[in-house]
C-alpha cells in the first residue's frame, strides 16, 4: 500500500442508514414526480409520486445491487426499489465518489441470484487523505468523461451499421415495382411445419433437441452448447419434415417470434413446437427466403397475425399465408449476392465497434486499478 494511505474494514467505512419504504418492481410508474432507483442496470428504473416514500440524500450515497452487483452513484433524492437494494453511506473521512470508484475495483465472485453484500463485508477499503481522494476523483472523472464520449460514439456507429443493413433490406423488398407477383408463403414451400408437440424424454447421448432458447436473436444462429439430447430411436421415428436439412429455414413462432435461421449444413437435430420449419421449393433460393423473412415487411405480418397474451404466437396457418413476392430464381440470386456483400461489410464494421467498446471497458478498468494502487499521478 502506498505511503500515506490507510485501510479499514468495509463496515467501519459506512454509516448506519434508515431505509425508506421499498417499492415493488411491478408497481413502478413509467412517469412520475420522483425517480425510483433499484438494483437493475440503468441509473433510474421507474418513477413514484408519494412524498412519504422519498429517501432524502444529504450527502451522495452508493447503491449496491445485492443480487446483481450493480453499483450506482446517487446524489439526488430518490425512492427505493424493492428487494436487493443496499444503500452505502460512506463516513466523513471518505469522499463518496472515491468510495464509489474503489468499489468498482473490488473483485466480487458471482453467486447467481444469491446475496453478494456478504462479499463486500470482507473488503478492506484503502484511502489517502481527503485532499488526495478529491485529486484522484477529479482525474478519474475527466478520464471517464472522455471514455464515455468515445464509447457513446462507438455505440452510435454500431447502431448505425445495423440500421444501414436493415434499411437496405427493407428497400430491396419495398421497391419491387410491378415486376413481382405476390403469393402466399405456402406456394413457395414444399412444406411448412413445426416441431414435435410432445416433449421427448431426455437421454445421456443421442441427437440434439433445440428449443426457442437456443435460437440466438442477434446472429440468427443455433446455439448447440446448451441443448439436451434425445434418443436416436425417437429421432428416426420423426417425419421427414421434422428433421431439418440443409436449405431449410427455421422460424421462431412463440414468444420471441419472427427470428429466422438458415440451415447451411447437414447436421442431425430436432426441435420443439415453438419453432417452425420452412422447406422451400427447388426454384426458391433458401438464402433469398431467409432474407425476406428477416425483412421488416415479414416481421410486420408476424406482428399483425400473432395472437395470445402472456406469450404471443404466430400460428402455422398465419405463417403459411404470409404474403411473399414471387420472383425468378436469377433475380433472387442477384438480390442474395447484394445482401450478402452488404451483410459482410456490416459485420466487419460491427466487429470493429464492438472491439472498440471492449477496449474502452478495459481502459477504464486499468485506470481504476492504477488509481487504487496509488499509481495515479
Protein backbone atom coordinates (compact mmCIF):
# COMPACT_ATOMS: atom_id res chain seq x y z
CA UNK A 1 0.00 0.00 0.00
CA UNK A 2 1.34 3.44 -0.92
CA UNK A 3 2.80 5.60 1.86
CA UNK A 4 0.20 7.88 3.41
CA UNK A 5 -2.69 5.52 2.64
CA UNK A 6 -4.54 3.55 5.29
CA UNK A 7 -7.02 0.70 5.26
CA UNK A 8 -10.16 -0.04 7.25
CA UNK A 9 -12.70 -2.88 7.17
CA UNK A 10 -15.62 -2.16 4.85
CA UNK A 11 -18.24 -1.90 7.60
CA UNK A 12 -16.09 0.60 9.51
CA UNK A 13 -16.31 2.89 6.49
CA UNK A 14 -20.09 3.22 6.20
CA UNK A 15 -22.80 4.84 8.30
CA UNK A 16 -25.94 3.15 9.57
CA UNK A 17 -28.79 4.04 7.20
CA UNK A 18 -32.53 4.13 7.95
CA UNK A 19 -34.27 2.91 4.80
CA UNK A 20 -37.44 4.44 3.40
CA UNK A 21 -40.26 2.28 2.02
CA UNK A 22 -39.22 -0.03 -0.80
CA UNK A 23 -41.44 -0.17 -3.89
CA UNK A 24 -42.09 -3.44 -5.74
CA UNK A 25 -40.92 -3.60 -9.36
CA UNK A 26 -44.45 -4.31 -10.62
CA UNK A 27 -45.64 -1.04 -9.05
CA UNK A 28 -43.07 1.27 -10.68
CA UNK A 29 -44.62 4.07 -12.74
CA UNK A 30 -43.47 4.97 -16.25
CA UNK A 31 -43.59 8.63 -15.30
CA UNK A 32 -43.91 10.48 -12.02
CA UNK A 33 -42.52 13.02 -9.56
CA UNK A 34 -39.66 11.03 -8.02
CA UNK A 35 -37.12 8.65 -9.60
CA UNK A 36 -37.01 5.04 -8.41
CA UNK A 37 -33.54 3.53 -8.03
CA UNK A 38 -33.32 -0.26 -7.86
CA UNK A 39 -30.63 -2.90 -8.35
CA UNK A 40 -31.27 -3.12 -12.09
CA UNK A 41 -28.92 -1.74 -14.73
CA UNK A 42 -29.62 1.91 -15.54
CA UNK A 43 -29.43 4.87 -13.18
CA UNK A 44 -33.21 5.34 -12.89
CA UNK A 45 -35.56 2.34 -13.14
CA UNK A 46 -39.01 3.90 -12.75
CA UNK A 47 -40.95 6.66 -11.03
CA UNK A 48 -43.12 7.23 -7.95
CA UNK A 49 -45.37 10.01 -6.64
CA UNK A 50 -45.66 9.62 -2.85
CA UNK A 51 -43.62 12.13 -0.84
CA UNK A 52 -43.59 9.86 2.22
CA UNK A 53 -41.53 7.20 0.38
CA UNK A 54 -38.72 9.56 -0.61
CA UNK A 55 -35.18 8.85 0.60
CA UNK A 56 -33.51 12.21 1.22
CA UNK A 57 -29.87 12.47 0.18
CA UNK A 58 -27.83 14.95 2.24
CA UNK A 59 -24.50 13.53 1.06
CA UNK A 60 -24.05 11.31 -2.02
CA UNK A 61 -24.56 7.58 -1.46
CA UNK A 62 -23.64 4.44 -3.35
CA UNK A 63 -26.32 1.94 -4.29
CA UNK A 64 -25.27 -1.72 -4.41
CA UNK A 65 -27.42 -4.41 -6.03
CA UNK A 66 -27.28 -7.29 -3.57
CA UNK A 67 -28.27 -9.78 -6.26
CA UNK A 68 -26.86 -8.04 -9.34
CA UNK A 69 -23.65 -6.37 -8.00
CA UNK A 70 -24.68 -3.21 -9.90
CA UNK A 71 -23.12 -0.03 -8.44
CA UNK A 72 -24.66 3.45 -8.73
CA UNK A 73 -23.50 6.84 -7.51
CA UNK A 74 -26.57 8.77 -6.32
CA UNK A 75 -26.50 12.46 -5.43
CA UNK A 76 -30.24 13.18 -5.62
CA UNK A 77 -33.35 12.30 -3.59
CA UNK A 78 -34.92 9.04 -4.76
CA UNK A 79 -37.37 6.25 -3.97
CA UNK A 80 -36.02 2.78 -3.23
CA UNK A 81 -36.75 -0.14 -5.48
CA UNK A 82 -37.64 -3.39 -3.75
CA UNK A 83 -35.58 -6.38 -2.64
CA UNK A 84 -31.84 -6.31 -3.19
CA UNK A 85 -31.04 -2.60 -2.84
CA UNK A 86 -28.30 -1.67 -0.37
CA UNK A 87 -27.64 2.00 0.45
CA UNK A 88 -23.99 2.62 1.30
CA UNK A 89 -23.34 5.95 3.05
CA UNK A 90 -19.58 6.45 3.39
CA UNK A 91 -18.27 8.09 6.55
CA UNK A 92 -16.83 11.62 6.53
CA UNK A 93 -13.21 10.51 6.04
CA UNK A 94 -14.19 9.12 2.61
CA UNK A 95 -15.12 11.23 -0.40
CA UNK A 96 -18.31 9.46 -1.64
CA UNK A 97 -17.20 9.34 -5.28
CA UNK A 98 -13.79 7.98 -4.27
CA UNK A 99 -15.59 5.25 -2.34
CA UNK A 100 -17.81 4.53 -5.36
CA UNK A 101 -14.82 4.24 -7.69
CA UNK A 102 -12.96 1.95 -5.30
CA UNK A 103 -15.90 -0.45 -5.07
CA UNK A 104 -15.73 -0.80 -8.87
CA UNK A 105 -12.25 -2.28 -8.47
CA UNK A 106 -13.40 -4.92 -5.95
CA UNK A 107 -13.25 -8.45 -7.33
CA UNK A 108 -16.51 -10.00 -6.13
CA UNK A 109 -17.39 -13.57 -7.01
CA UNK A 110 -20.70 -14.12 -8.80
CA UNK A 111 -23.10 -16.11 -6.64
CA UNK A 112 -26.01 -16.25 -9.07
CA UNK A 113 -29.12 -14.65 -7.61
CA UNK A 114 -27.80 -15.11 -4.07
CA UNK A 115 -26.88 -12.16 -1.86
CA UNK A 116 -23.49 -10.54 -2.53
CA UNK A 117 -23.37 -8.00 0.31
CA UNK A 118 -21.52 -10.54 2.47
CA UNK A 119 -18.66 -10.30 -0.03
CA UNK A 120 -18.49 -6.53 0.42
CA UNK A 121 -18.16 -7.03 4.17
CA UNK A 122 -14.92 -8.94 3.57
CA UNK A 123 -13.28 -5.96 1.82
CA UNK A 124 -10.66 -3.59 3.14
CA UNK A 125 -11.17 -0.01 1.95
CA UNK A 126 -7.86 1.74 1.21
CA UNK A 127 -7.69 5.52 1.15
CA UNK A 128 -5.37 8.55 1.44
CA UNK A 129 -6.36 11.89 3.00
CA UNK A 130 -9.45 13.67 1.65
CA UNK A 131 -7.41 16.13 -0.43
CA UNK A 132 -5.69 13.27 -2.29
CA UNK A 133 -9.02 11.46 -2.67
CA UNK A 134 -10.51 14.57 -4.31
CA UNK A 135 -7.49 14.85 -6.64
CA UNK A 136 -7.88 11.21 -7.71
CA UNK A 137 -11.62 11.65 -8.25
CA UNK A 138 -11.04 14.73 -10.43
CA UNK A 139 -8.58 12.80 -12.62
CA UNK A 140 -10.92 9.79 -12.90
CA UNK A 141 -13.96 11.95 -13.68
CA UNK A 142 -12.11 13.70 -16.50
CA UNK A 143 -10.71 10.45 -17.92
CA UNK A 144 -14.02 8.62 -17.75
CA UNK A 145 -15.89 11.52 -19.34
CA UNK A 146 -13.62 11.19 -22.36
CA UNK A 147 -14.03 7.40 -22.43
CA UNK A 148 -17.82 7.74 -22.11
CA UNK A 149 -17.92 10.14 -25.06
CA UNK A 150 -15.80 7.81 -27.20
CA UNK A 151 -17.88 4.79 -26.16
CA UNK A 152 -21.12 6.63 -26.96
CA UNK A 153 -19.80 7.40 -30.46
CA UNK A 154 -18.86 3.74 -30.94
CA UNK A 155 -22.32 2.67 -29.76
CA UNK A 156 -23.91 5.11 -32.19
CA UNK A 157 -21.76 3.86 -35.06
CA UNK A 158 -22.60 0.26 -34.15
CA UNK A 159 -26.30 1.11 -34.19
CA UNK A 160 -25.92 2.95 -37.50
CA UNK A 161 -24.18 -0.03 -39.08
CA UNK A 162 -27.02 -2.32 -38.10
CA UNK A 163 -29.65 0.17 -39.24
CA UNK A 164 -27.90 0.59 -42.60
CA UNK A 165 -28.31 -3.09 -43.39
CA UNK A 166 -31.91 -3.16 -42.09
CA UNK A 167 -32.77 -0.11 -44.19
CA UNK A 168 -31.32 -1.64 -47.35
CA UNK A 169 -33.06 -4.93 -46.65
CA UNK A 170 -36.36 -3.11 -46.37
CA UNK A 171 -35.76 -1.19 -49.59
CA UNK A 172 -34.99 -4.40 -51.52
CA UNK A 173 -38.44 -5.81 -50.81
CA UNK A 174 -40.18 -2.45 -50.99
CA UNK A 175 -39.06 -1.19 -54.40
CA UNK A 176 -40.42 -4.09 -56.38
CA UNK A 177 -42.40 -2.04 -58.89
CA UNK A 178 -44.83 -4.06 -60.98
CA UNK A 179 -42.39 -6.90 -61.74
CA UNK A 180 -43.11 -9.07 -58.72
CA UNK A 181 -46.14 -11.23 -58.24
CA UNK A 182 -47.38 -11.59 -54.68
CA UNK A 183 -48.23 -15.10 -53.47
CA UNK A 184 -48.74 -16.91 -50.17
CA UNK A 185 -45.70 -18.40 -48.50
CA UNK A 186 -47.06 -21.94 -48.78
CA UNK A 187 -46.96 -21.55 -52.58
CA UNK A 188 -43.14 -21.28 -52.42
CA UNK A 189 -42.61 -24.15 -49.98
CA UNK A 190 -42.63 -27.92 -50.14
CA UNK A 191 -43.71 -27.94 -46.51
CA UNK A 192 -44.24 -25.61 -43.56
CA UNK A 193 -44.50 -27.32 -40.20
CA UNK A 194 -43.44 -27.03 -36.56
CA UNK A 195 -41.60 -29.28 -34.12
CA UNK A 196 -42.92 -32.13 -32.02
CA UNK A 197 -45.75 -31.12 -29.65
CA UNK A 198 -44.93 -33.89 -27.17
CA UNK A 199 -41.74 -33.16 -25.18
CA UNK A 200 -39.44 -36.15 -25.73
CA UNK A 201 -37.58 -37.87 -22.87
CA UNK A 202 -34.00 -36.67 -22.40
CA UNK A 203 -31.12 -39.08 -22.87
CA UNK A 204 -27.44 -39.06 -21.96
CA UNK A 205 -26.41 -39.40 -25.59
CA UNK A 206 -28.19 -39.07 -28.91
CA UNK A 207 -29.47 -36.35 -31.19
CA UNK A 208 -29.56 -32.67 -30.09
CA UNK A 209 -33.02 -31.25 -29.40
CA UNK A 210 -33.28 -27.45 -29.64
CA UNK A 211 -35.80 -25.13 -28.02
CA UNK A 212 -36.54 -21.48 -28.76
CA UNK A 213 -33.93 -20.50 -26.15
CA UNK A 214 -31.24 -21.99 -28.40
CA UNK A 215 -32.04 -19.53 -31.20
CA UNK A 216 -29.70 -16.53 -30.97
CA UNK A 217 -31.64 -13.38 -31.80
CA UNK A 218 -28.52 -11.35 -32.54
CA UNK A 219 -26.74 -13.55 -35.06
CA UNK A 220 -29.62 -15.80 -36.19
CA UNK A 221 -27.71 -18.95 -35.37
CA UNK A 222 -28.45 -22.01 -33.26
CA UNK A 223 -26.51 -22.31 -30.02
CA UNK A 224 -25.88 -26.03 -29.58
CA UNK A 225 -23.80 -25.56 -26.41
CA UNK A 226 -26.82 -25.76 -24.12
CA UNK A 227 -29.08 -28.34 -25.74
CA UNK A 228 -30.22 -31.68 -24.39
CA UNK A 229 -30.26 -34.89 -26.40
CA UNK A 230 -32.96 -37.39 -27.32
CA UNK A 231 -32.62 -40.99 -28.37
CA UNK A 232 -31.81 -41.90 -31.94
CA UNK A 233 -34.88 -44.15 -31.90
CA UNK A 234 -37.06 -41.10 -31.19
CA UNK A 235 -35.33 -39.14 -33.95
CA UNK A 236 -35.71 -41.90 -36.54
CA UNK A 237 -39.47 -42.07 -35.92
CA UNK A 238 -39.94 -38.37 -36.70
CA UNK A 239 -41.48 -37.40 -40.02
CA UNK A 240 -39.02 -36.17 -42.63
CA UNK A 241 -40.36 -32.62 -42.39
CA UNK A 242 -39.38 -32.52 -38.69
CA UNK A 243 -35.77 -33.41 -39.44
CA UNK A 244 -34.07 -30.17 -40.55
CA UNK A 245 -31.73 -30.41 -43.52
CA UNK A 246 -29.50 -28.08 -45.48
CA UNK A 247 -31.58 -25.39 -47.21
CA UNK A 248 -34.41 -25.32 -44.64
CA UNK A 249 -35.30 -22.10 -42.84
CA UNK A 250 -36.29 -22.29 -39.18
CA UNK A 251 -38.58 -19.60 -37.78
CA UNK A 252 -39.48 -18.93 -34.15
CA UNK A 253 -43.25 -18.78 -33.77
CA UNK A 254 -43.79 -18.30 -30.00
CA UNK A 255 -42.56 -15.68 -27.53
CA UNK A 256 -39.62 -14.11 -29.37
CA UNK A 257 -41.31 -14.83 -32.67
CA UNK A 258 -40.02 -13.85 -36.10
CA UNK A 259 -36.38 -14.94 -35.82
CA UNK A 260 -35.20 -16.86 -38.90
CA UNK A 261 -32.28 -19.29 -39.04
CA UNK A 262 -30.90 -20.63 -42.32
CA UNK A 263 -29.68 -24.23 -42.15
CA UNK A 264 -26.48 -24.11 -44.18
CA UNK A 265 -25.03 -27.53 -43.34
CA UNK A 266 -26.38 -31.04 -42.97
CA UNK A 267 -26.44 -31.78 -39.25
CA UNK A 268 -28.85 -34.03 -37.40
CA UNK A 269 -31.03 -32.36 -34.77
CA UNK A 270 -34.71 -31.93 -33.95
CA UNK A 271 -36.75 -29.11 -32.47
CA UNK A 272 -39.75 -28.14 -30.36
CA UNK A 273 -43.16 -26.91 -31.48
CA UNK A 274 -42.31 -23.24 -30.77
CA UNK A 275 -40.11 -23.33 -33.86
CA UNK A 276 -41.41 -23.58 -37.40
CA UNK A 277 -39.66 -25.13 -40.38
CA UNK A 278 -39.99 -23.87 -43.94
CA UNK A 279 -38.69 -26.15 -46.70
CA UNK A 280 -38.54 -24.10 -49.93
CA UNK A 281 -39.22 -25.43 -53.41
CA UNK A 282 -36.37 -26.02 -55.86
CA UNK A 283 -36.95 -22.73 -57.68
CA UNK A 284 -36.73 -20.77 -54.42
CA UNK A 285 -33.34 -19.76 -53.02
CA UNK A 286 -33.13 -20.63 -49.33
CA UNK A 287 -30.93 -17.59 -48.70
CA UNK A 288 -33.38 -15.31 -50.51
CA UNK A 289 -36.25 -16.71 -48.45
CA UNK A 290 -34.19 -16.22 -45.26
CA UNK A 291 -33.54 -12.57 -46.14
CA UNK A 292 -37.21 -12.00 -46.91
CA UNK A 293 -38.25 -13.44 -43.52
CA UNK A 294 -35.63 -11.20 -41.92
CA UNK A 295 -37.14 -8.12 -43.59
CA UNK A 296 -39.37 -5.56 -41.80
CA UNK A 297 -42.17 -6.47 -44.24
CA UNK A 298 -42.22 -10.06 -42.99
CA UNK A 299 -41.95 -9.05 -39.34
CA UNK A 300 -44.87 -6.66 -39.78
CA UNK A 301 -47.03 -9.56 -40.94
CA UNK A 302 -45.91 -11.59 -37.93
CA UNK A 303 -46.87 -8.72 -35.62
CA UNK A 304 -50.26 -8.33 -37.29
CA UNK A 305 -51.12 -12.04 -37.02
CA UNK A 306 -49.57 -13.00 -33.64
CA UNK A 307 -52.15 -13.94 -31.02
CA UNK A 308 -52.08 -14.59 -27.28
CA UNK A 309 -51.38 -12.55 -24.16
CA UNK A 310 -48.56 -13.90 -21.98
CA UNK A 311 -46.72 -15.37 -24.98
CA UNK A 312 -47.78 -14.33 -28.44
CA UNK A 313 -47.71 -16.95 -31.18
CA UNK A 314 -47.66 -16.85 -34.95
CA UNK A 315 -49.77 -19.84 -35.91
CA UNK A 316 -48.73 -22.16 -38.74
CA UNK A 317 -51.84 -21.08 -40.62
CA UNK A 318 -50.77 -17.43 -40.35
CA UNK A 319 -47.19 -18.28 -41.37
CA UNK A 320 -48.33 -20.28 -44.39
CA UNK A 321 -50.42 -17.32 -45.52
CA UNK A 322 -47.75 -14.64 -45.27
CA UNK A 323 -47.75 -12.59 -48.47
CA UNK A 324 -44.42 -13.08 -50.25
CA UNK A 325 -43.03 -11.66 -53.52
CA UNK A 326 -42.54 -14.31 -56.17
CA UNK A 327 -39.54 -13.58 -58.39
CA UNK A 328 -37.40 -15.51 -60.84
CA UNK A 329 -34.58 -17.59 -59.37
CA UNK A 330 -31.97 -15.48 -61.18
CA UNK A 331 -33.39 -12.32 -59.59
CA UNK A 332 -33.37 -14.00 -56.20
CA UNK A 333 -29.69 -14.87 -56.63
CA UNK A 334 -28.82 -11.29 -57.63
CA UNK A 335 -30.57 -9.97 -54.53
CA UNK A 336 -28.82 -12.52 -52.33
CA UNK A 337 -25.41 -11.52 -53.72
CA UNK A 338 -26.03 -7.84 -52.95
CA UNK A 339 -27.35 -8.56 -49.45
CA UNK A 340 -24.50 -10.98 -48.70
CA UNK A 341 -21.95 -8.34 -49.71
CA UNK A 342 -23.54 -5.65 -47.55
CA UNK A 343 -24.02 -8.09 -44.66
CA UNK A 344 -20.32 -9.00 -44.73
CA UNK A 345 -19.25 -5.35 -44.70
CA UNK A 346 -21.74 -4.55 -41.94
CA UNK A 347 -20.44 -7.38 -39.77
CA UNK A 348 -16.88 -6.12 -40.25
CA UNK A 349 -17.94 -2.68 -39.04
CA UNK A 350 -19.85 -4.17 -36.12
CA UNK A 351 -16.78 -6.19 -35.10
CA UNK A 352 -14.63 -3.03 -35.17
CA UNK A 353 -17.06 -1.07 -32.99
CA UNK A 354 -17.56 -3.99 -30.59
CA UNK A 355 -13.79 -4.26 -30.24
CA UNK A 356 -13.57 -0.53 -29.50
CA UNK A 357 -16.21 -0.84 -26.79
CA UNK A 358 -14.28 -3.72 -25.24
CA UNK A 359 -11.06 -1.68 -25.32
CA UNK A 360 -12.79 1.28 -23.65
CA UNK A 361 -14.04 -1.02 -20.85
CA UNK A 362 -10.54 -2.45 -20.38
CA UNK A 363 -9.02 1.05 -20.36
CA UNK A 364 -11.42 2.17 -17.66
CA UNK A 365 -10.59 -0.89 -15.57
CA UNK A 366 -6.83 -0.29 -16.00
CA UNK A 367 -7.14 3.37 -14.91
CA UNK A 368 -9.13 2.36 -11.82
CA UNK A 369 -6.55 -0.26 -10.89
CA UNK A 370 -3.76 2.32 -11.16
CA UNK A 371 -5.74 4.81 -9.07
CA UNK A 372 -6.29 2.43 -6.17
CA UNK A 373 -2.79 1.06 -6.16
CA UNK A 374 -1.51 4.60 -5.64
CA UNK A 375 -0.01 4.92 -9.14
CA UNK A 376 -2.18 7.75 -10.50
CA UNK A 377 -0.13 10.93 -10.96
